[in-house]
Protein backbone atom coordinates (compact mmCIF):
# COMPACT_ATOMS: atom_id res chain seq x y z
CA MET A 1 1.67 11.98 11.52
CA ILE A 2 1.07 8.33 11.81
CA LYS A 3 1.86 6.75 8.34
CA LEU A 4 0.12 3.35 7.50
CA ALA A 5 1.36 0.94 4.94
CA VAL A 6 -1.73 -1.47 3.52
CA PHE A 7 -0.93 -4.74 2.24
CA LEU A 8 -3.33 -6.27 -0.32
CA SER A 9 -3.29 -9.09 -2.59
CA GLY A 10 -6.87 -9.21 -4.31
CA ALA A 11 -9.18 -6.57 -5.34
CA GLY A 12 -8.45 -4.51 -2.13
CA SER A 13 -11.84 -3.78 -0.76
CA ASN A 14 -10.52 -3.55 2.62
CA ALA A 15 -7.51 -1.54 1.47
CA ARG A 16 -9.97 0.93 -0.32
CA ASN A 17 -11.92 1.18 3.02
CA LEU A 18 -8.97 2.07 4.91
CA CYS A 19 -7.97 4.64 2.48
CA GLY A 20 -11.51 6.22 2.44
CA TYR A 21 -11.74 6.34 6.04
CA PHE A 22 -8.32 8.03 6.65
CA ALA A 23 -8.54 10.43 3.69
CA GLY A 24 -8.16 13.90 5.14
CA HIS A 25 -7.69 12.60 8.79
CA PRO A 26 -5.49 15.21 10.43
CA LYS A 27 -3.06 12.70 12.24
CA ILE A 28 -3.35 9.50 10.15
CA GLU A 29 -2.46 8.66 6.44
CA VAL A 30 -2.17 5.76 4.23
CA ALA A 31 1.28 6.32 2.86
CA LEU A 32 1.95 3.11 0.85
CA LEU A 33 0.14 0.29 -0.78
CA LEU A 34 1.92 -2.95 -1.21
CA THR A 35 1.10 -6.03 -3.09
CA ASN A 36 2.43 -9.29 -4.34
CA ASN A 37 -0.06 -9.58 -7.23
CA PRO A 38 0.35 -7.46 -10.15
CA HIS A 39 -3.34 -7.95 -11.02
CA SER A 40 -4.72 -6.60 -7.61
CA GLY A 41 -6.56 -3.50 -7.11
CA ALA A 42 -3.67 -1.61 -5.84
CA ALA A 43 -3.10 0.52 -9.06
CA ALA A 44 -6.54 1.65 -9.11
CA ILE A 45 -6.92 2.48 -5.32
CA SER A 46 -3.53 4.20 -5.80
CA ALA A 47 -4.92 6.35 -8.63
CA ASP A 48 -8.18 7.02 -6.64
CA TYR A 49 -6.47 8.40 -3.60
CA ASP A 50 -3.13 9.45 -4.92
CA ILE A 51 -1.15 6.94 -2.81
CA PRO A 52 1.94 5.25 -4.25
CA PHE A 53 2.06 1.50 -4.40
CA ILE A 54 4.60 -1.13 -5.19
CA VAL A 55 4.48 -4.65 -6.57
CA PHE A 56 6.90 -7.24 -4.91
CA ASN A 57 7.67 -10.70 -5.44
CA LYS A 58 9.09 -13.32 -3.01
CA ALA A 59 12.61 -12.57 -3.61
CA ASN A 60 11.99 -8.88 -2.93
CA PHE A 61 10.15 -9.62 0.26
CA TYR A 62 12.57 -12.13 2.00
CA GLN A 63 16.00 -11.73 0.31
CA SER A 64 16.63 -8.15 -1.01
CA GLY A 65 15.32 -5.95 1.66
CA ALA A 66 13.39 -3.85 -1.00
CA VAL A 67 10.24 -3.90 0.87
CA ILE A 68 11.68 -3.29 4.15
CA GLN A 69 13.40 -0.25 2.72
CA GLN A 70 10.17 1.20 1.27
CA LEU A 71 8.56 0.60 4.55
CA SER A 72 11.31 2.66 6.30
CA ASP A 73 11.24 5.64 3.98
């Protein structure tokens, strides 16, 4: 199974389209949504497609390795 992580920062129309396109696909799934904007559409898309999401800040992304850890899981 190919697992995709999708980054979004705004309403997430492209992320929503990707989630819809791959929903039910036998070999590809959107496994994680990531955003640096707590007001983005990530929470709504997550709820609609039952995909986990995380909100990260600059320190999480560049210094702590937390985002990389989530991507490796």
